[in-house]
Protein backbone atom coordinates (compact mmCIF):
# COMPACT_ATOMS: atom_id res chain seq x y z
CA UNK A 1 -10.56 -45.44 -15.75
CA UNK A 2 -12.85 -45.90 -12.77
CA UNK A 3 -11.99 -49.58 -12.62
CA UNK A 4 -8.29 -48.75 -12.52
CA UNK A 5 -8.78 -46.25 -9.74
CA UNK A 6 -10.93 -48.75 -7.85
CA UNK A 7 -8.10 -51.25 -8.07
CA UNK A 8 -5.57 -48.69 -6.80
CA UNK A 9 -7.83 -47.65 -3.95
CA UNK A 10 -9.42 -50.96 -3.01
CA UNK A 11 -9.89 -49.90 0.58
CA UNK A 12 -11.56 -46.60 -0.40
CA UNK A 13 -9.14 -44.29 1.42
CA UNK A 14 -11.15 -41.56 3.13
CA UNK A 15 -10.51 -38.02 1.95
CA UNK A 16 -10.69 -36.39 5.35
CA UNK A 17 -7.11 -36.95 6.49
CA UNK A 18 -4.47 -34.30 6.11
CA UNK A 19 -2.45 -35.00 2.99
CA UNK A 20 -2.96 -35.34 -0.75
CA UNK A 21 -5.44 -38.17 -1.26
CA UNK A 22 -7.31 -39.05 -4.47
CA UNK A 23 -10.64 -40.80 -4.15
CA UNK A 24 -12.91 -42.23 -6.81
CA UNK A 25 -16.46 -41.16 -6.10
CA UNK A 26 -19.66 -42.97 -6.93
CA UNK A 27 -20.35 -40.52 -9.79
CA UNK A 28 -16.90 -40.87 -11.40
CA UNK A 29 -15.75 -37.57 -9.84
CA UNK A 30 -12.30 -37.32 -8.31
CA UNK A 31 -11.79 -35.50 -5.03
CA UNK A 32 -8.42 -34.10 -3.91
CA UNK A 33 -8.46 -33.46 -0.19
CA UNK A 34 -5.51 -31.30 0.86
CA UNK A 35 -6.74 -31.00 4.43
CA UNK A 36 -9.75 -31.97 6.46
CA UNK A 37 -11.61 -28.84 5.39
CA UNK A 38 -10.03 -28.18 2.01
CA UNK A 39 -9.46 -29.61 -1.44
CA UNK A 40 -11.40 -30.25 -4.65
CA UNK A 41 -14.87 -31.61 -4.56
CA UNK A 42 -18.06 -31.73 -6.55
CA UNK A 43 -20.92 -29.79 -5.02
CA UNK A 44 -24.25 -28.98 -6.58
CA UNK A 45 -23.08 -30.18 -10.00
CA UNK A 46 -20.05 -27.87 -10.06
CA UNK A 47 -16.40 -28.07 -9.03
CA UNK A 48 -15.54 -26.48 -5.72
CA UNK A 49 -12.03 -25.58 -4.50
CA UNK A 50 -11.74 -24.87 -0.79
CA UNK A 51 -8.36 -23.88 0.63
CA UNK A 52 -9.40 -23.63 4.28
CA UNK A 53 -12.59 -23.20 6.32
CA UNK A 54 -12.66 -19.39 5.96
CA UNK A 55 -10.89 -18.77 2.66
CA UNK A 56 -10.25 -20.03 -0.84
CA UNK A 57 -12.26 -20.63 -4.01
CA UNK A 58 -15.82 -21.82 -3.65
CA UNK A 59 -18.68 -22.50 -6.00
CA UNK A 60 -22.26 -21.58 -5.36
CA UNK A 61 -25.52 -20.95 -7.15
CA UNK A 62 -24.03 -17.84 -8.78
CA UNK A 63 -20.70 -19.35 -9.87
CA UNK A 64 -17.22 -19.17 -8.31
CA UNK A 65 -16.46 -17.04 -5.26
CA UNK A 66 -13.01 -16.10 -3.94
CA UNK A 67 -12.62 -15.79 -0.18
CA UNK A 68 -8.98 -14.95 0.70
CA UNK A 69 -10.00 -14.09 4.28
CA UNK A 70 -13.03 -14.03 6.51
CA UNK A 71 -13.62 -10.29 6.00
CA UNK A 72 -12.31 -9.67 2.50
CA UNK A 73 -12.08 -10.87 -1.07
CA UNK A 74 -14.41 -11.36 -4.03
CA UNK A 75 -17.89 -12.76 -3.76
CA UNK A 76 -20.76 -13.35 -6.18
CA UNK A 77 -24.34 -12.18 -6.01
CA UNK A 78 -27.34 -12.22 -8.31
CA UNK A 79 -26.06 -9.00 -9.87
CA UNK A 80 -22.53 -10.27 -10.48
CA UNK A 81 -19.16 -10.18 -8.69
CA UNK A 82 -18.49 -7.78 -5.85
CA UNK A 83 -15.73 -7.20 -3.28
CA UNK A 84 -15.96 -8.13 0.37
CA UNK A 85 -14.03 -5.64 2.52
CA UNK A 86 -14.00 -4.90 6.23
CA UNK A 87 -15.45 -1.36 6.27
CA UNK A 88 -16.94 1.33 4.10
CA UNK A 89 -14.20 3.12 2.14
CA UNK A 90 -11.58 0.34 2.32
CA UNK A 91 -9.33 -0.10 -0.73
CA UNK A 92 -7.71 -3.27 -2.12
CA UNK A 93 -4.10 -2.47 -3.09
CA UNK A 94 -1.28 -4.48 -4.67
CA UNK A 95 1.79 -5.14 -2.51
CA UNK A 96 5.48 -5.67 -3.16
CA UNK A 97 5.08 -9.46 -3.05
CA UNK A 98 2.42 -9.41 -5.80
CA UNK A 99 -0.46 -10.03 -3.43
CA UNK A 100 -3.51 -7.90 -2.63
CA UNK A 101 -3.93 -6.22 0.75
CA UNK A 102 -6.74 -4.18 2.26
CA UNK A 103 -5.91 -0.52 2.96
CA UNK A 104 -8.28 0.76 5.67
CA UNK A 105 -10.24 3.95 5.06
CA UNK A 106 -8.42 7.14 6.03
CA UNK A 107 -9.42 10.04 8.28
CA UNK A 108 -11.81 12.70 6.98
CA UNK A 109 -10.07 15.29 4.73
CA UNK A 110 -7.01 13.04 4.26
CA UNK A 111 -5.83 12.04 0.77
CA UNK A 112 -3.96 8.98 -0.50
CA UNK A 113 -0.25 9.53 -1.05
CA UNK A 114 2.73 7.44 -2.14
CA UNK A 115 5.03 6.64 0.76
CA UNK A 116 4.99 4.98 4.14
CA UNK A 117 6.52 1.79 5.48
CA UNK A 118 3.48 -0.42 4.96
CA UNK A 119 3.27 -3.29 2.51
CA UNK A 120 1.19 -1.26 0.05
CA UNK A 121 3.58 1.70 -0.20
CA UNK A 122 0.63 4.07 0.28
CA UNK A 123 -0.51 6.22 3.19
CA UNK A 124 -3.21 8.71 4.11
CA UNK A 125 -1.98 12.34 4.35
CA UNK A 126 -3.71 15.41 5.72
CA UNK A 127 -4.83 17.72 2.89
CA UNK A 128 -4.20 20.87 4.87
CA UNK A 129 -7.88 21.76 5.08
CA UNK A 130 -8.59 23.71 8.25
CA UNK A 131 -11.91 23.81 10.04
CA UNK A 132 -10.75 26.38 12.60
CA UNK A 133 -8.61 28.57 10.32
CA UNK A 134 -8.11 31.26 13.01
CA UNK A 135 -8.26 30.46 16.72
CA UNK A 136 -7.63 32.98 19.51
CA UNK A 137 -6.52 31.53 22.85
CA UNK A 138 -6.04 33.21 26.23
CA UNK A 139 -4.56 30.31 28.19
CA UNK A 140 -2.35 27.26 27.60
CA UNK A 141 -3.46 25.47 24.46
CA UNK A 142 -2.83 22.22 22.56
CA UNK A 143 -2.95 22.67 18.77
CA UNK A 144 -5.33 20.36 16.89
CA UNK A 145 -5.26 19.18 13.29
CA UNK A 146 -7.99 21.59 12.17
CA UNK A 147 -6.14 24.69 13.40
CA UNK A 148 -4.08 26.93 11.16
CA UNK A 149 -3.43 30.34 12.74
CA UNK A 150 -3.31 30.34 16.55
CA UNK A 151 -3.38 33.85 18.05
CA UNK A 152 -2.17 34.06 21.66
CA UNK A 153 -3.62 36.91 23.74
CA UNK A 154 -2.46 36.68 27.34
CA UNK A 155 -0.73 39.29 29.51
CA UNK A 156 1.33 36.62 31.29
CA UNK A 157 3.31 33.61 30.07
CA UNK A 158 1.51 30.76 28.37
CA UNK A 159 2.38 27.57 26.46
CA UNK A 160 1.18 26.33 23.08
CA UNK A 161 1.81 22.60 22.58
CA UNK A 162 2.07 21.16 19.07
CA UNK A 163 0.60 17.83 17.94
CA UNK A 164 3.00 14.92 17.38
CA UNK A 165 5.18 15.39 14.30
CA UNK A 166 4.51 12.52 11.86
CA UNK A 167 5.90 13.83 8.54
CA UNK A 168 2.38 14.87 7.50
CA UNK A 169 3.54 18.13 5.88
CA UNK A 170 0.98 20.06 7.94
CA UNK A 171 1.82 23.70 8.73
CA UNK A 172 0.68 26.08 11.47
CA UNK A 173 1.23 29.72 12.37
CA UNK A 174 1.41 30.95 15.96
CA UNK A 175 1.19 34.68 16.73
CA UNK A 176 1.67 36.47 20.08
CA UNK A 177 -0.28 39.75 20.39
CA UNK A 178 0.05 40.33 24.13
CA UNK A 179 2.80 40.98 26.68
CA UNK A 180 3.17 37.45 28.05
CA UNK A 181 5.85 35.26 26.51
CA UNK A 182 4.43 32.37 24.46
CA UNK A 183 6.39 29.12 24.68
CA UNK A 184 5.82 26.83 21.71
CA UNK A 185 6.44 23.27 22.87
CA UNK A 186 6.83 20.16 20.73
CA UNK A 187 4.85 17.05 21.64
CA UNK A 188 6.85 14.86 24.06
CA UNK A 189 10.42 14.72 22.67
CA UNK A 190 9.58 16.38 19.32
CA UNK A 191 11.92 19.24 18.43
CA UNK A 192 11.42 22.60 16.69
CA UNK A 193 14.51 23.54 14.69
CA UNK A 194 16.47 21.24 16.98
CA UNK A 195 15.07 22.66 20.23
CA UNK A 196 12.37 21.27 22.50
CA UNK A 197 10.74 24.72 22.79
CA UNK A 198 10.75 28.10 21.06
CA UNK A 199 9.67 31.42 22.65
CA UNK A 200 7.62 34.18 21.09
CA UNK A 201 7.71 37.74 22.44
CA UNK A 202 4.88 40.19 21.82
CA UNK A 203 4.13 40.60 18.07
CA UNK A 204 6.36 37.68 17.13
CA UNK A 205 4.94 35.10 14.74
CA UNK A 206 6.16 31.57 13.98
CA UNK A 207 5.32 29.49 10.91
CA UNK A 208 6.17 25.82 11.43
CA UNK A 209 5.85 22.64 9.36
CA UNK A 210 5.73 18.98 10.35
CA UNK A 211 8.40 17.67 7.96
CA UNK A 212 9.58 14.42 9.61
CA UNK A 213 8.69 12.11 12.47
CA UNK A 214 9.51 13.95 15.68
CA UNK A 215 10.75 17.06 13.84
CA UNK A 216 9.19 20.48 13.28
CA UNK A 217 10.91 23.20 11.28
CA UNK A 218 10.42 26.97 11.32
CA UNK A 219 9.80 28.27 7.82
């Protein structure tokens, strides 16, 4: 077989040019070079497959490693096979085109939910856990994710601004216990029951939910 290959490749075509080139090696091993930095080759007594300089299948002292990207994939170590991801908490998820994609770690107290426009069909959603369950404010205030019940106590008018509505399902309650009118204002162009703002007189209370992007509803 080697003699036949030698006859076909009398000039010993180098395997470093882009294209599919077979070469007969000195140790009867064939090399398929798909590109300058990729192909099939024998290395350390084992077969190595390299797709590109930073990714592909590679062989090493521990066996075969898979490197789909510079910061992700499967690698081998003395203890076996492990996953290379970009950050602590990342998840590898199947996509609609039957590939695997890294889903970055979510925010603290968020949970994984089905939905979203990303390739994985998953998204991180706020669990509704509140660090500041009850907050009393005496001046204009911007609601934060860890709030739940915001109590307004001001003798003159004040404004409470909501966070951006993102369809998170998060709910808040806003209560006015003083004489000043409390104006509840959506973030930027976000609306509350179709209006940019809603007013609360003394003793009024509003329960609102982020149910869609840009939209709050009173419940």
